[in-house]
Protein backbone atom coordinates (compact mmCIF):
# COMPACT_ATOMS: atom_id res chain seq x y z
CA MET A 1 0.34 0.21 -0.11
CA THR A 2 1.00 3.45 -0.96
CA PHE A 3 1.18 6.47 1.31
CA PHE A 4 -1.14 8.12 -0.64
CA SER A 5 -3.67 5.35 -0.68
CA GLY A 6 -3.46 4.86 2.82
CA PHE A 7 -4.03 8.36 3.71
CA ALA A 8 -6.87 7.83 1.12
CA ILE A 9 -8.50 4.84 2.99
CA TYR A 10 -7.74 6.81 6.29
CA PHE A 11 -9.43 10.10 5.51
CA VAL A 12 -12.61 7.91 4.02
CA ILE A 13 -12.21 5.73 8.13
CA TRP A 14 -11.80 8.42 9.16
CA TRP A 15 -15.11 10.83 7.90
CA VAL A 16 -17.34 7.03 8.90
CA THR A 17 -15.73 7.24 12.32
CA LEU A 18 -16.93 10.85 12.84
CA PHE A 19 -20.30 10.22 12.24
CA VAL A 20 -20.18 7.29 15.22
CA VAL A 21 -18.59 9.83 17.46
CA LEU A 22 -20.43 13.53 17.01
CA PRO A 23 -23.81 12.35 18.87
CA HIS A 24 -22.04 11.37 21.75
CA GLY A 25 -22.18 12.93 25.21
CA ASN A 26 -24.51 15.65 23.31
CA LYS A 27 -27.01 17.54 25.92
CA SER A 28 -29.92 19.78 23.98
CA GLN A 29 -30.67 23.51 25.13
CA ALA A 30 -34.36 22.23 25.77
CA GLU A 31 -32.91 19.13 28.15
CA ALA A 32 -30.61 22.00 29.56
CA GLY A 33 -33.39 24.36 29.91
CA GLU A 34 -30.89 26.97 28.32
CA ILE A 35 -32.78 27.91 25.02
CA ASP A 36 -31.40 31.17 23.90
CA PRO A 37 -33.65 33.00 21.42
CA GLY A 38 -33.26 32.44 17.60
CA THR A 39 -31.96 29.03 17.99
CA GLU A 40 -33.08 25.55 17.41
CA PRO A 41 -34.03 23.97 21.19
CA ALA A 42 -32.35 20.53 19.60
CA ALA A 43 -28.98 22.30 19.33
CA PRO A 44 -26.50 21.53 21.58
CA VAL A 45 -25.21 23.67 24.68
CA ASN A 46 -22.04 22.61 24.36
CA PRO A 47 -20.77 20.15 22.09
CA ARG A 48 -16.73 19.92 22.73
CA PHE A 49 -15.93 19.61 18.63
CA GLY A 50 -12.07 19.60 19.68
CA LEU A 51 -12.45 16.76 22.47
CA LYS A 52 -14.31 14.83 18.95
CA LEU A 53 -12.01 15.64 16.63
CA VAL A 54 -9.39 14.05 18.61
CA LEU A 55 -10.93 10.81 19.50
CA ASN A 56 -12.54 10.70 16.13
CA SER A 57 -8.69 10.42 15.16
CA LEU A 58 -7.89 8.28 17.84
CA LEU A 59 -10.60 5.75 16.60
CA ALA A 60 -10.31 6.29 12.60
CA GLY A 61 -6.02 5.13 13.25
CA VAL A 62 -7.44 2.06 15.74
CA VAL A 63 -9.85 0.83 12.85
CA PHE A 64 -7.00 2.06 10.06
CA ALA A 65 -4.36 0.24 11.99
CA THR A 66 -6.76 -2.91 11.98
CA TYR A 67 -7.36 -2.93 8.18
CA TRP A 68 -3.58 -2.62 7.60
CA PHE A 69 -2.88 -5.29 10.14
CA VAL A 70 -5.96 -7.70 8.15
CA THR A 71 -4.97 -6.55 4.49
CA GLY A 72 -0.83 -5.87 4.79
CA THR A 73 0.35 -8.34 7.54
CA LEU A 74 -2.76 -11.57 7.66
CA GLY A 75 -2.85 -11.36 3.72
CA TYR A 76 -6.77 -10.84 3.37
CA SER A 77 -8.63 -9.04 0.87
CA LEU A 78 -12.11 -7.92 -0.09
CA GLU A 79 -12.47 -11.01 -2.83
CA ASP A 80 -12.05 -13.13 0.81
CA ILE A 81 -15.15 -12.42 2.12
CA PRO A 82 -17.72 -14.72 1.58
CA SER A 83 -20.59 -13.84 -0.31
CA ILE A 84 -23.78 -13.73 1.18
CA LEU A 85 -26.12 -13.66 -1.78
CA PRO A 86 -27.14 -16.71 -3.25
CA GLU A 87 -25.82 -18.56 -5.74
CA HIS A 88 -27.74 -17.44 -8.65
CA LEU A 89 -27.09 -13.88 -7.66
CA GLN A 90 -23.46 -13.49 -7.14
CA PHE A 91 -21.27 -11.96 -9.53
CA LYS A 92 -19.39 -14.67 -11.70
CA ASP A 93 -15.65 -14.05 -12.83
CA VAL A 94 -15.50 -13.44 -16.63
CA ASN A 95 -12.16 -15.02 -16.57
């Protein structure tokens, strides 16, 4: 794996894990009883974006390291994942 392909895979993993990390620990203005005029009551009071970006980067690093270990060290690839489709719907190798 080249540096650029590794970086691209990490970048995609980072964005996917961001949507896992963002909702955790949020408290809405309505729950806190501190609704600012002109804002949505469901908006978070203190979203702590900096902490979430750091945690997301660490989580993405762990996921990427797992991916690198499985593909680089163990030698598995996407073709090694068994197909869950019935045999008549599976893609046939044209070679």
